[in-house]
Amino acid sequence: MQNQTHRLDATFAALADPTRRAILARLASGEATVTELAEPFAMSQPAISKHLKVLEHAGLISRGRDAQRRPCRIEAQPLAEANVWIEHYRRIWERNYQRLDALLDELQTQQRPTPAKKR
């Protein structure tokens, strides 16, 4: 449980940065090298490498070896675990909204004037 909590913390910490989210979005379309990942950003390659280390530490990416290349690829498991955590709370909020809707419907029904009886 503590290991899972640590991984979830690392995942959300990594996802908190827009550059890292953009890197993950790029990797969702396929593997890329550090140079390729750095191209769209106005930052140095070492700065991109620091972001990659955070993503790698969180398990969100892995690096392979292809001759001279070390392509990065996205890893789905940490995102799936984060999705399970978010989905749990989404269901709780959905149930709360459904109870609120039912209460509002009940209050509106109580406030409607009763139709007059025909004589």
PDB file of N, CA and C in Angstrom:
ATOM      1  N   MET A   1       0.822  -1.193   0.000  1.00  0.00           N
ATOM      2  CA  MET A   1       0.000   0.000   0.000  1.00  0.00           C
ATOM      3  C   MET A   1       0.866   1.257   0.000  1.00  0.00           C
ATOM      4  N   GLN A   2       1.927   1.273   0.833  1.00  0.00           N
ATOM      5  CA  GLN A   2       2.792   2.445   0.892  1.00  0.00           C
ATOM      6  C   GLN A   2       3.552   2.631  -0.417  1.00  0.00           C
ATOM      7  N   ASN A   3       3.974   1.505  -1.036  1.00  0.00           N
ATOM      8  CA  ASN A   3       4.654   1.578  -2.320  1.00  0.00           C
ATOM      9  C   ASN A   3       3.720   2.154  -3.380  1.00  0.00           C
ATOM     10  N   GLN A   4       2.449   1.725  -3.343  1.00  0.00           N
ATOM     11  CA  GLN A   4       1.470   2.240  -4.311  1.00  0.00           C
ATOM     12  C   GLN A   4       1.237   3.738  -4.082  1.00  0.00           C
ATOM     13  N   THR A   5       1.170   4.152  -2.817  1.00  0.00           N
ATOM     14  CA  THR A   5       0.998   5.571  -2.488  1.00  0.00           C
ATOM     15  C   THR A   5       2.193   6.376  -2.988  1.00  0.00           C
ATOM     16  N   HIS A   6       3.389   5.848  -2.794  1.00  0.00           N
ATOM     17  CA  HIS A   6       4.599   6.529  -3.270  1.00  0.00           C
ATOM     18  C   HIS A   6       4.573   6.678  -4.792  1.00  0.00           C
ATOM     19  N   ARG A   7       4.164   5.609  -5.489  1.00  0.00           N
ATOM     20  CA  ARG A   7       4.107   5.696  -6.960  1.00  0.00           C
ATOM     21  C   ARG A   7       3.069   6.706  -7.416  1.00  0.00           C
ATOM     22  N   LEU A   8       1.923   6.734  -6.723  1.00  0.00           N
ATOM     23  CA  LEU A   8       0.881   7.691  -7.082  1.00  0.00           C
ATOM     24  C   LEU A   8       1.359   9.124  -6.835  1.00  0.00           C
ATOM     25  N   ASP A   9       2.044   9.340  -5.715  1.00  0.00           N
ATOM     26  CA  ASP A   9       2.617  10.660  -5.432  1.00  0.00           C
ATOM     27  C   ASP A   9       3.596  11.072  -6.536  1.00  0.00           C
ATOM     28  N   ALA A  10       4.464  10.138  -6.926  1.00  0.00           N
ATOM     29  CA  ALA A  10       5.452  10.436  -7.974  1.00  0.00           C
ATOM     30  C   ALA A  10       4.760  10.729  -9.301  1.00  0.00           C
ATOM     31  N   THR A  11       3.693   9.991  -9.599  1.00  0.00           N
ATOM     32  CA  THR A  11       2.959  10.210 -10.854  1.00  0.00           C
ATOM     33  C   THR A  11       2.349  11.602 -10.878  1.00  0.00           C
ATOM     34  N   PHE A  12       1.626  11.959  -9.821  1.00  0.00           N
ATOM     35  CA  PHE A  12       0.973  13.271  -9.815  1.00  0.00           C
ATOM     36  C   PHE A  12       2.000  14.402  -9.759  1.00  0.00           C
ATOM     37  N   ALA A  13       3.101  14.212  -9.050  1.00  0.00           N
ATOM     38  CA  ALA A  13       4.148  15.238  -9.015  1.00  0.00           C
ATOM     39  C   ALA A  13       4.727  15.438 -10.418  1.00  0.00           C
ATOM     40  N   ALA A  14       4.948  14.344 -11.128  1.00  0.00           N
ATOM     41  CA  ALA A  14       5.486  14.450 -12.490  1.00  0.00           C
ATOM     42  C   ALA A  14       4.482  15.120 -13.424  1.00  0.00           C
ATOM     43  N   LEU A  15       3.205  14.796 -13.252  1.00  0.00           N
ATOM     44  CA  LEU A  15       2.181  15.358 -14.136  1.00  0.00           C
ATOM     45  C   LEU A  15       1.869  16.822 -13.823  1.00  0.00           C
ATOM     46  N   ALA A  16       2.350  17.328 -12.702  1.00  0.00           N
ATOM     47  CA  ALA A  16       2.063  18.710 -12.320  1.00  0.00           C
ATOM     48  C   ALA A  16       2.743  19.726 -13.231  1.00  0.00           C
ATOM     49  N   ASP A  17       3.755  19.310 -13.957  1.00  0.00           N
ATOM     50  CA  ASP A  17       4.505  20.228 -14.807  1.00  0.00           C
ATOM     51  C   ASP A  17       4.015  20.162 -16.255  1.00  0.00           C
ATOM     52  N   PRO A  18       3.693  21.321 -16.872  1.00  0.00           N
ATOM     53  CA  PRO A  18       3.183  21.299 -18.250  1.00  0.00           C
ATOM     54  C   PRO A  18       4.185  20.769 -19.282  1.00  0.00           C
ATOM     55  N   THR A  19       5.474  20.998 -19.052  1.00  0.00           N
ATOM     56  CA  THR A  19       6.473  20.478 -19.993  1.00  0.00           C
ATOM     57  C   THR A  19       6.460  18.954 -19.973  1.00  0.00           C
ATOM     58  N   ARG A  20       6.367  18.384 -18.784  1.00  0.00           N
ATOM     59  CA  ARG A  20       6.354  16.910 -18.686  1.00  0.00           C
ATOM     60  C   ARG A  20       5.074  16.340 -19.300  1.00  0.00           C
ATOM     61  N   ARG A  21       3.960  17.036 -19.106  1.00  0.00           N
ATOM     62  CA  ARG A  21       2.717  16.564 -19.741  1.00  0.00           C
ATOM     63  C   ARG A  21       2.839  16.645 -21.265  1.00  0.00           C
ATOM     64  N   ALA A  22       3.486  17.692 -21.773  1.00  0.00           N
ATOM     65  CA  ALA A  22       3.675  17.821 -23.224  1.00  0.00           C
ATOM     66  C   ALA A  22       4.593  16.718 -23.747  1.00  0.00           C
ATOM     67  N   ILE A  23       5.606  16.371 -22.969  1.00  0.00           N
ATOM     68  CA  ILE A  23       6.504  15.280 -23.370  1.00  0.00           C
ATOM     69  C   ILE A  23       5.719  13.964 -23.434  1.00  0.00           C
ATOM     70  N   LEU A  24       4.881  13.725 -22.434  1.00  0.00           N
ATOM     71  CA  LEU A  24       4.069  12.501 -22.449  1.00  0.00           C
ATOM     72  C   LEU A  24       3.112  12.498 -23.644  1.00  0.00           C
ATOM     73  N   ALA A  25       2.536  13.661 -23.943  1.00  0.00           N
ATOM     74  CA  ALA A  25       1.636  13.749 -25.106  1.00  0.00           C
ATOM     75  C   ALA A  25       2.387  13.400 -26.385  1.00  0.00           C
ATOM     76  N   ARG A  26       3.607  13.872 -26.498  1.00  0.00           N
ATOM     77  CA  ARG A  26       4.425  13.549 -27.683  1.00  0.00           C
ATOM     78  C   ARG A  26       4.728  12.062 -27.730  1.00  0.00           C
ATOM     79  N   LEU A  27       5.084  11.481 -26.570  1.00  0.00           N
ATOM     80  CA  LEU A  27       5.434  10.058 -26.534  1.00  0.00           C
ATOM     81  C   LEU A  27       4.219   9.155 -26.741  1.00  0.00           C
ATOM     82  N   ALA A  28       3.030   9.683 -26.540  1.00  0.00           N
ATOM     83  CA  ALA A  28       1.823   8.887 -26.784  1.00  0.00           C
ATOM     84  C   ALA A  28       1.700   8.522 -28.257  1.00  0.00           C
ATOM     85  N   SER A  29       2.339   9.309 -29.134  1.00  0.00           N
ATOM     86  CA  SER A  29       2.289   9.004 -30.571  1.00  0.00           C
ATOM     87  C   SER A  29       3.461   8.147 -31.027  1.00  0.00           C
ATOM     88  N   GLY A  30       4.410   7.844 -30.121  1.00  0.00           N
ATOM     89  CA  GLY A  30       5.514   6.969 -30.484  1.00  0.00           C
ATOM     90  C   GLY A  30       6.807   7.341 -29.788  1.00  0.00           C
ATOM     91  N   GLU A  31       7.770   6.447 -29.879  1.00  0.00           N
ATOM     92  CA  GLU A  31       9.064   6.659 -29.231  1.00  0.00           C
ATOM     93  C   GLU A  31       9.762   7.886 -29.795  1.00  0.00           C
ATOM     94  N   ALA A  32      10.632   8.478 -28.986  1.00  0.00           N
ATOM     95  CA  ALA A  32      11.403   9.641 -29.428  1.00  0.00           C
ATOM     96  C   ALA A  32      12.685   9.727 -28.609  1.00  0.00           C
ATOM     97  N   THR A  33      13.708  10.302 -29.216  1.00  0.00           N
ATOM     98  CA  THR A  33      14.967  10.516 -28.507  1.00  0.00           C
ATOM     99  C   THR A  33      14.883  11.830 -27.723  1.00  0.00           C
ATOM    100  N   VAL A  34      15.866  12.062 -26.881  1.00  0.00           N
ATOM    101  CA  VAL A  34      15.899  13.306 -26.103  1.00  0.00           C
ATOM    102  C   VAL A  34      15.959  14.506 -27.043  1.00  0.00           C
ATOM    103  N   THR A  35      16.759  14.398 -28.092  1.00  0.00           N
ATOM    104  CA  THR A  35      16.872  15.496 -29.062  1.00  0.00           C
ATOM    105  C   THR A  35      15.527  15.784 -29.711  1.00  0.00           C
ATOM    106  N   GLU A  36      14.834  14.735 -30.111  1.00  0.00           N
ATOM    107  CA  GLU A  36      13.512  14.921 -30.732  1.00  0.00           C
ATOM    108  C   GLU A  36      12.513  15.521 -29.740  1.00  0.00           C
ATOM    109  N   LEU A  37      12.605  15.084 -28.484  1.00  0.00           N
ATOM    110  CA  LEU A  37      11.681  15.609 -27.470  1.00  0.00           C
ATOM    111  C   LEU A  37      11.983  17.063 -27.137  1.00  0.00           C
ATOM    112  N   ALA A  38      13.243  17.466 -27.263  1.00  0.00           N
ATOM    113  CA  ALA A  38      13.636  18.833 -26.911  1.00  0.00           C
ATOM    114  C   ALA A  38      13.271  19.845 -27.990  1.00  0.00           C
ATOM    115  N   GLU A  39      13.068  19.389 -29.232  1.00  0.00           N
ATOM    116  CA  GLU A  39      12.851  20.312 -30.367  1.00  0.00           C
ATOM    117  C   GLU A  39      11.766  21.357 -30.140  1.00  0.00           C
ATOM    118  N   PRO A  40      10.570  21.001 -29.682  1.00  0.00           N
ATOM    119  CA  PRO A  40       9.515  22.026 -29.590  1.00  0.00           C
ATOM    120  C   PRO A  40       9.664  22.978 -28.397  1.00  0.00           C
ATOM    121  N   PHE A  41      10.621  22.756 -27.539  1.00  0.00           N
ATOM    122  CA  PHE A  41      10.731  23.563 -26.321  1.00  0.00           C
ATOM    123  C   PHE A  41      11.878  24.550 -26.420  1.00  0.00           C
ATOM    124  N   ALA A  42      11.687  25.716 -25.821  1.00  0.00           N
ATOM    125  CA  ALA A  42      12.736  26.741 -25.766  1.00  0.00           C
ATOM    126  C   ALA A  42      13.542  26.539 -24.491  1.00  0.00           C
ATOM    127  N   MET A  43      14.121  25.359 -24.370  1.00  0.00           N
ATOM    128  CA  MET A  43      14.968  25.067 -23.214  1.00  0.00           C
ATOM    129  C   MET A  43      16.083  24.134 -23.655  1.00  0.00           C
ATOM    130  N   SER A  44      17.112  24.073 -22.843  1.00  0.00           N
ATOM    131  CA  SER A  44      18.285  23.280 -23.201  1.00  0.00           C
ATOM    132  C   SER A  44      17.978  21.782 -23.125  1.00  0.00           C
ATOM    133  N   GLN A  45      18.809  21.016 -23.810  1.00  0.00           N
ATOM    134  CA  GLN A  45      18.665  19.561 -23.768  1.00  0.00           C
ATOM    135  C   GLN A  45      18.875  19.027 -22.348  1.00  0.00           C
ATOM    136  N   PRO A  46      19.837  19.582 -21.573  1.00  0.00           N
ATOM    137  CA  PRO A  46      19.961  19.115 -20.178  1.00  0.00           C
ATOM    138  C   PRO A  46      18.693  19.380 -19.351  1.00  0.00           C
ATOM    139  N   ALA A  47      18.011  20.497 -19.630  1.00  0.00           N
ATOM    140  CA  ALA A  47      16.763  20.772 -18.912  1.00  0.00           C
ATOM    141  C   ALA A  47      15.701  19.734 -19.266  1.00  0.00           C
ATOM    142  N   ILE A  48      15.643  19.380 -20.544  1.00  0.00           N
ATOM    143  CA  ILE A  48      14.704  18.326 -20.967  1.00  0.00           C
ATOM    144  C   ILE A  48      15.088  16.997 -20.312  1.00  0.00           C
ATOM    145  N   SER A  49      16.383  16.730 -20.225  1.00  0.00           N
ATOM    146  CA  SER A  49      16.840  15.485 -19.586  1.00  0.00           C
ATOM    147  C   SER A  49      16.402  15.425 -18.126  1.00  0.00           C
ATOM    148  N   LYS A  50      16.408  16.582 -17.439  1.00  0.00           N
ATOM    149  CA  LYS A  50      15.941  16.601 -16.041  1.00  0.00           C
ATOM    150  C   LYS A  50      14.452  16.245 -15.971  1.00  0.00           C
ATOM    151  N   HIS A  51      13.666  16.775 -16.912  1.00  0.00           N
ATOM    152  CA  HIS A  51      12.248  16.425 -16.947  1.00  0.00           C
ATOM    153  C   HIS A  51      12.076  14.926 -17.218  1.00  0.00           C
ATOM    154  N   LEU A  52      12.898  14.408 -18.110  1.00  0.00           N
ATOM    155  CA  LEU A  52      12.809  12.974 -18.427  1.00  0.00           C
ATOM    156  C   LEU A  52      13.159  12.107 -17.222  1.00  0.00           C
ATOM    157  N   LYS A  53      14.117  12.562 -16.422  1.00  0.00           N
ATOM    158  CA  LYS A  53      14.470  11.800 -15.217  1.00  0.00           C
ATOM    159  C   LYS A  53      13.302  11.759 -14.238  1.00  0.00           C
ATOM    160  N   VAL A  54      12.586  12.871 -14.106  1.00  0.00           N
ATOM    161  CA  VAL A  54      11.409  12.896 -13.227  1.00  0.00           C
ATOM    162  C   VAL A  54      10.354  11.921 -13.752  1.00  0.00           C
ATOM    163  N   LEU A  55      10.122  11.953 -15.062  1.00  0.00           N
ATOM    164  CA  LEU A  55       9.134  11.049 -15.667  1.00  0.00           C
ATOM    165  C   LEU A  55       9.567   9.594 -15.519  1.00  0.00           C
ATOM    166  N   GLU A  56      10.854   9.345 -15.679  1.00  0.00           N
ATOM    167  CA  GLU A  56      11.383   7.989 -15.552  1.00  0.00           C
ATOM    168  C   GLU A  56      11.279   7.518 -14.101  1.00  0.00           C
ATOM    169  N   HIS A  57      11.594   8.393 -13.147  1.00  0.00           N
ATOM    170  CA  HIS A  57      11.490   8.050 -11.719  1.00  0.00           C
ATOM    171  C   HIS A  57      10.048   7.673 -11.363  1.00  0.00           C
ATOM    172  N   ALA A  58       9.092   8.370 -11.951  1.00  0.00           N
ATOM    173  CA  ALA A  58       7.676   8.082 -11.700  1.00  0.00           C
ATOM    174  C   ALA A  58       7.210   6.839 -12.450  1.00  0.00           C
ATOM    175  N   GLY A  59       8.051   6.303 -13.319  1.00  0.00           N
ATOM    176  CA  GLY A  59       7.682   5.113 -14.095  1.00  0.00           C
ATOM    177  C   GLY A  59       6.814   5.438 -15.295  1.00  0.00           C
ATOM    178  N   LEU A  60       6.679   6.734 -15.601  1.00  0.00           N
ATOM    179  CA  LEU A  60       5.821   7.143 -16.712  1.00  0.00           C
ATOM    180  C   LEU A  60       6.478   6.930 -18.065  1.00  0.00           C
ATOM    181  N   ILE A  61       7.801   6.864 -18.077  1.00  0.00           N
ATOM    182  CA  ILE A  61       8.526   6.576 -19.322  1.00  0.00           C
ATOM    183  C   ILE A  61       9.635   5.571 -19.025  1.00  0.00           C
ATOM    184  N   SER A  62      10.121   4.947 -20.070  1.00  0.00           N
ATOM    185  CA  SER A  62      11.307   4.102 -19.970  1.00  0.00           C
ATOM    186  C   SER A  62      12.183   4.422 -21.174  1.00  0.00           C
ATOM    187  N   ARG A  63      13.432   4.053 -21.055  1.00  0.00           N
ATOM    188  CA  ARG A  63      14.384   4.309 -22.147  1.00  0.00           C
ATOM    189  C   ARG A  63      14.934   2.989 -22.646  1.00  0.00           C
ATOM    190  N   GLY A  64      14.932   2.851 -23.940  1.00  0.00           N
ATOM    191  CA  GLY A  64      15.466   1.637 -24.544  1.00  0.00           C
ATOM    192  C   GLY A  64      16.836   1.896 -25.138  1.00  0.00           C
ATOM    193  N   ARG A  65      17.301   0.943 -25.888  1.00  0.00           N
ATOM    194  CA  ARG A  65      18.583   1.110 -26.583  1.00  0.00           C
ATOM    195  C   ARG A  65      18.408   0.557 -27.974  1.00  0.00           C
ATOM    196  N   ASP A  66      18.710   1.403 -28.963  1.00  0.00           N
ATOM    197  CA  ASP A  66      18.606   1.026 -30.367  1.00  0.00           C
ATOM    198  C   ASP A  66      19.862   1.559 -31.043  1.00  0.00           C
ATOM    199  N   ALA A  67      20.919   0.712 -31.082  1.00  0.00           N
ATOM    200  CA  ALA A  67      22.238   1.128 -31.586  1.00  0.00           C
ATOM    201  C   ALA A  67      22.711   2.333 -30.792  1.00  0.00           C
ATOM    202  N   GLN A  68      22.873   3.481 -31.451  1.00  0.00           N
ATOM    203  CA  GLN A  68      23.354   4.691 -30.768  1.00  0.00           C
ATOM    204  C   GLN A  68      22.213   5.485 -30.124  1.00  0.00           C
ATOM    205  N   ARG A  69      21.019   5.113 -30.449  1.00  0.00           N
ATOM    206  CA  ARG A  69      19.861   5.850 -29.939  1.00  0.00           C
ATOM    207  C   ARG A  69      19.402   5.274 -28.595  1.00  0.00           C
ATOM    208  N   ARG A  70      18.829   6.142 -27.755  1.00  0.00           N
ATOM    209  CA  ARG A  70      18.182   5.706 -26.504  1.00  0.00           C
ATOM    210  C   ARG A  70      16.775   6.285 -26.507  1.00  0.00           C
ATOM    211  N   PRO A  71      15.899   5.677 -27.298  1.00  0.00           N
ATOM    212  CA  PRO A  71      14.551   6.236 -27.409  1.00  0.00           C
ATOM    213  C   PRO A  71      13.768   6.106 -26.099  1.00  0.00           C
ATOM    214  N   CYS A  72      12.934   7.109 -25.863  1.00  0.00           N
ATOM    215  CA  CYS A  72      12.045   7.095 -24.703  1.00  0.00           C
ATOM    216  C   CYS A  72      10.683   6.609 -25.165  1.00  0.00           C
ATOM    217  N   ARG A  73      10.030   5.895 -24.287  1.00  0.00           N
ATOM    218  CA  ARG A  73       8.666   5.437 -24.598  1.00  0.00           C
ATOM    219  C   ARG A  73       7.799   5.627 -23.358  1.00  0.00           C
ATOM    220  N   ILE A  74       6.522   5.824 -23.599  1.00  0.00           N
ATOM    221  CA  ILE A  74       5.584   6.027 -22.511  1.00  0.00           C
ATOM    222  C   ILE A  74       5.226   4.675 -21.899  1.00  0.00           C
ATOM    223  N   GLU A  75       5.030   4.654 -20.601  1.00  0.00           N
ATOM    224  CA  GLU A  75       4.617   3.447 -19.882  1.00  0.00           C
ATOM    225  C   GLU A  75       3.211   3.683 -19.336  1.00  0.00           C
ATOM    226  N   ALA A  76       2.320   2.797 -19.606  1.00  0.00           N
ATOM    227  CA  ALA A  76       0.896   3.008 -19.301  1.00  0.00           C
ATOM    228  C   ALA A  76       0.514   2.741 -17.845  1.00  0.00           C
ATOM    229  N   GLN A  77       1.228   1.863 -17.171  1.00  0.00           N
ATOM    230  CA  GLN A  77       0.796   1.401 -15.843  1.00  0.00           C
ATOM    231  C   GLN A  77       0.594   2.531 -14.831  1.00  0.00           C
ATOM    232  N   PRO A  78       1.544   3.461 -14.665  1.00  0.00           N
ATOM    233  CA  PRO A  78       1.314   4.524 -13.668  1.00  0.00           C
ATOM    234  C   PRO A  78       0.105   5.392 -14.001  1.00  0.00           C
ATOM    235  N   LEU A  79      -0.130   5.658 -15.277  1.00  0.00           N
ATOM    236  CA  LEU A  79      -1.310   6.440 -15.658  1.00  0.00           C
ATOM    237  C   LEU A  79      -2.584   5.650 -15.387  1.00  0.00           C
ATOM    238  N   ALA A  80      -2.542   4.340 -15.599  1.00  0.00           N
ATOM    239  CA  ALA A  80      -3.705   3.506 -15.309  1.00  0.00           C
ATOM    240  C   ALA A  80      -4.008   3.519 -13.813  1.00  0.00           C
ATOM    241  N   GLU A  81      -2.966   3.464 -12.984  1.00  0.00           N
ATOM    242  CA  GLU A  81      -3.165   3.513 -11.533  1.00  0.00           C
ATOM    243  C   GLU A  81      -3.727   4.867 -11.104  1.00  0.00           C
ATOM    244  N   ALA A  82      -3.231   5.947 -11.707  1.00  0.00           N
ATOM    245  CA  ALA A  82      -3.763   7.287 -11.397  1.00  0.00           C
ATOM    246  C   ALA A  82      -5.224   7.381 -11.822  1.00  0.00           C
ATOM    247  N   ASN A  83      -5.542   6.789 -12.960  1.00  0.00           N
ATOM    248  CA  ASN A  83      -6.922   6.798 -13.449  1.00  0.00           C
ATOM    249  C   ASN A  83      -7.845   6.043 -12.488  1.00  0.00           C
ATOM    250  N   VAL A  84      -7.395   4.924 -11.949  1.00  0.00           N
ATOM    251  CA  VAL A  84      -8.195   4.162 -10.977  1.00  0.00           C
ATOM    252  C   VAL A  84      -8.466   5.029  -9.749  1.00  0.00           C
ATOM    253  N   TRP A  85      -7.443   5.730  -9.272  1.00  0.00           N
ATOM    254  CA  TRP A  85      -7.588   6.601  -8.094  1.00  0.00           C
ATOM    255  C   TRP A  85      -8.590   7.718  -8.385  1.00  0.00           C
ATOM    256  N   ILE A  86      -8.452   8.371  -9.516  1.00  0.00           N
ATOM    257  CA  ILE A  86      -9.359   9.463  -9.891  1.00  0.00           C
ATOM    258  C   ILE A  86     -10.780   8.934 -10.076  1.00  0.00           C
ATOM    259  N   GLU A  87     -10.910   7.777 -10.723  1.00  0.00           N
ATOM    260  CA  GLU A  87     -12.233   7.191 -10.975  1.00  0.00           C
ATOM    261  C   GLU A  87     -12.958   6.880  -9.673  1.00  0.00           C
ATOM    262  N   HIS A  88     -12.241   6.435  -8.655  1.00  0.00           N
ATOM    263  CA  HIS A  88     -12.838   6.163  -7.348  1.00  0.00           C
ATOM    264  C   HIS A  88     -13.515   7.434  -6.814  1.00  0.00           C
ATOM    265  N   TYR A  89     -12.814   8.553  -6.850  1.00  0.00           N
ATOM    266  CA  TYR A  89     -13.383   9.810  -6.333  1.00  0.00           C
ATOM    267  C   TYR A  89     -14.455  10.362  -7.262  1.00  0.00           C
ATOM    268  N   ARG A  90     -14.318  10.132  -8.564  1.00  0.00           N
ATOM    269  CA  ARG A  90     -15.356  10.588  -9.495  1.00  0.00           C
ATOM    270  C   ARG A  90     -16.682   9.901  -9.170  1.00  0.00           C
ATOM    271  N   ARG A  91     -16.647   8.599  -8.863  1.00  0.00           N
ATOM    272  CA  ARG A  91     -17.868   7.868  -8.512  1.00  0.00           C
ATOM    273  C   ARG A  91     -18.482   8.397  -7.215  1.00  0.00           C
ATOM    274  N   ILE A  92     -17.632   8.728  -6.237  1.00  0.00           N
ATOM    275  CA  ILE A  92     -18.154   9.299  -4.982  1.00  0.00           C
ATOM    276  C   ILE A  92     -18.857  10.618  -5.274  1.00  0.00           C
ATOM    277  N   TRP A  93     -18.228  11.490  -6.053  1.00  0.00           N
ATOM    278  CA  TRP A  93     -18.836  12.794  -6.359  1.00  0.00           C
ATOM    279  C   TRP A  93     -20.113  12.614  -7.165  1.00  0.00           C
ATOM    280  N   GLU A  94     -20.122  11.650  -8.072  1.00  0.00           N
ATOM    281  CA  GLU A  94     -21.314  11.401  -8.871  1.00  0.00           C
ATOM    282  C   GLU A  94     -22.480  10.977  -7.982  1.00  0.00           C
ATOM    283  N   ARG A  95     -22.210  10.084  -7.012  1.00  0.00           N
ATOM    284  CA  ARG A  95     -23.276   9.673  -6.078  1.00  0.00           C
ATOM    285  C   ARG A  95     -23.769  10.871  -5.264  1.00  0.00           C
ATOM    286  N   ASN A  96     -22.845  11.730  -4.834  1.00  0.00           N
ATOM    287  CA  ASN A  96     -23.253  12.924  -4.075  1.00  0.00           C
ATOM    288  C   ASN A  96     -24.128  13.838  -4.925  1.00  0.00           C
ATOM    289  N   TYR A  97     -23.772  14.043  -6.177  1.00  0.00           N
ATOM    290  CA  TYR A  97     -24.586  14.891  -7.069  1.00  0.00           C
ATOM    291  C   TYR A  97     -25.952  14.258  -7.316  1.00  0.00           C
ATOM    292  N   GLN A  98     -26.002  12.938  -7.429  1.00  0.00           N
ATOM    293  CA  GLN A  98     -27.292  12.266  -7.630  1.00  0.00           C
ATOM    294  C   GLN A  98     -28.190  12.450  -6.411  1.00  0.00           C
ATOM    295  N   ARG A  99     -27.598  12.353  -5.213  1.00  0.00           N
ATOM    296  CA  ARG A  99     -28.396  12.588  -3.993  1.00  0.00           C
ATOM    297  C   ARG A  99     -28.860  14.037  -3.929  1.00  0.00           C
ATOM    298  N   LEU A 100     -28.012  14.974  -4.328  1.00  0.00           N
ATOM    299  CA  LEU A 100     -28.399  16.389  -4.347  1.00  0.00           C
ATOM    300  C   LEU A 100     -29.524  16.619  -5.364  1.00  0.00           C
ATOM    301  N   ASP A 101     -29.420  16.021  -6.547  1.00  0.00           N
ATOM    302  CA  ASP A 101     -30.490  16.126  -7.554  1.00  0.00           C
ATOM    303  C   ASP A 101     -31.811  15.594  -7.004  1.00  0.00           C
ATOM    304  N   ALA A 102     -31.758  14.448  -6.313  1.00  0.00           N
ATOM    305  CA  ALA A 102     -32.979  13.864  -5.750  1.00  0.00           C
ATOM    306  C   ALA A 102     -33.577  14.785  -4.694  1.00  0.00           C
ATOM    307  N   LEU A 103     -32.731  15.380  -3.865  1.00  0.00           N
ATOM    308  CA  LEU A 103     -33.216  16.303  -2.837  1.00  0.00           C
ATOM    309  C   LEU A 103     -33.849  17.537  -3.472  1.00  0.00           C
ATOM    310  N   LEU A 104     -33.204  18.091  -4.510  1.00  0.00           N
ATOM    311  CA  LEU A 104     -33.757  19.271  -5.189  1.00  0.00           C
ATOM    312  C   LEU A 104     -35.093  18.944  -5.855  1.00  0.00           C
ATOM    313  N   ASP A 105     -35.199  17.769  -6.462  1.00  0.00           N
ATOM    314  CA  ASP A 105     -36.470  17.340  -7.060  1.00  0.00           C
ATOM    315  C   ASP A 105     -37.551  17.244  -5.988  1.00  0.00           C
ATOM    316  N   GLU A 106     -37.199  16.680  -4.846  1.00  0.00           N
ATOM    317  CA  GLU A 106     -38.161  16.526  -3.744  1.00  0.00           C
ATOM    318  C   GLU A 106     -38.610  17.899  -3.240  1.00  0.00           C
ATOM    319  N   LEU A 107     -37.678  18.833  -3.086  1.00  0.00           N
ATOM    320  CA  LEU A 107     -38.022  20.178  -2.609  1.00  0.00           C
ATOM    321  C   LEU A 107     -38.910  20.906  -3.616  1.00  0.00           C
ATOM    322  N   GLN A 108     -38.615  20.749  -4.911  1.00  0.00           N
ATOM    323  CA  GLN A 108     -39.448  21.392  -5.932  1.00  0.00           C
ATOM    324  C   GLN A 108     -40.849  20.813  -5.939  1.00  0.00           C
ATOM    325  N   THR A 109     -40.956  19.513  -5.740  1.00  0.00           N
ATOM    326  CA  THR A 109     -42.274  18.866  -5.689  1.00  0.00           C
ATOM    327  C   THR A 109     -43.071  19.384  -4.500  1.00  0.00           C
ATOM    328  N   GLN A 110     -42.431  19.568  -3.366  1.00  0.00           N
ATOM    329  CA  GLN A 110     -43.111  20.064  -2.171  1.00  0.00           C
ATOM    330  C   GLN A 110     -43.561  21.512  -2.336  1.00  0.00           C
ATOM    331  N   GLN A 111     -42.842  22.316  -3.131  1.00  0.00           N
ATOM    332  CA  GLN A 111     -43.158  23.731  -3.289  1.00  0.00           C
ATOM    333  C   GLN A 111     -44.200  23.992  -4.369  1.00  0.00           C
ATOM    334  N   ARG A 112     -44.518  23.010  -5.205  1.00  0.00           N
ATOM    335  CA  ARG A 112     -45.524  23.212  -6.251  1.00  0.00           C
ATOM    336  C   ARG A 112     -46.907  23.345  -5.628  1.00  0.00           C
ATOM    337  N   PRO A 113     -47.685  24.318  -6.101  1.00  0.00           N
ATOM    338  CA  PRO A 113     -49.035  24.432  -5.566  1.00  0.00           C
ATOM    339  C   PRO A 113     -49.869  23.231  -6.017  1.00  0.00           C
ATOM    340  N   THR A 114     -50.705  22.763  -5.135  1.00  0.00           N
ATOM    341  CA  THR A 114     -51.578  21.642  -5.491  1.00  0.00           C
ATOM    342  C   THR A 114     -52.717  22.170  -6.347  1.00  0.00           C
ATOM    343  N   PRO A 115     -53.083  21.447  -7.401  1.00  0.00           N
ATOM    344  CA  PRO A 115     -54.157  21.915  -8.276  1.00  0.00           C
ATOM    345  C   PRO A 115     -55.485  21.987  -7.520  1.00  0.00           C
ATOM    346  N   ALA A 116     -56.266  23.043  -7.857  1.00  0.00           N
ATOM    347  CA  ALA A 116     -57.572  23.211  -7.207  1.00  0.00           C
ATOM    348  C   ALA A 116     -58.524  22.123  -7.660  1.00  0.00           C
ATOM    349  N   LYS A 117     -59.342  21.636  -6.747  1.00  0.00           N
ATOM    350  CA  LYS A 117     -60.311  20.590  -7.071  1.00  0.00           C
ATOM    351  C   LYS A 117     -61.515  21.199  -7.758  1.00  0.00           C
ATOM    352  N   LYS A 118     -62.043  20.511  -8.758  1.00  0.00           N
ATOM    353  CA  LYS A 118     -63.250  20.957  -9.467  1.00  0.00           C
ATOM    354  C   LYS A 118     -64.483  20.641  -8.619  1.00  0.00           C
ATOM    355  N   ARG A 119     -65.417  21.557  -8.614  1.00  0.00           N
ATOM    356  CA  ARG A 119     -66.649  21.339  -7.835  1.00  0.00           C
ATOM    357  C   ARG A 119     -67.801  21.051  -8.727  1.00  0.00           C
TER     358      ARG A 119
END
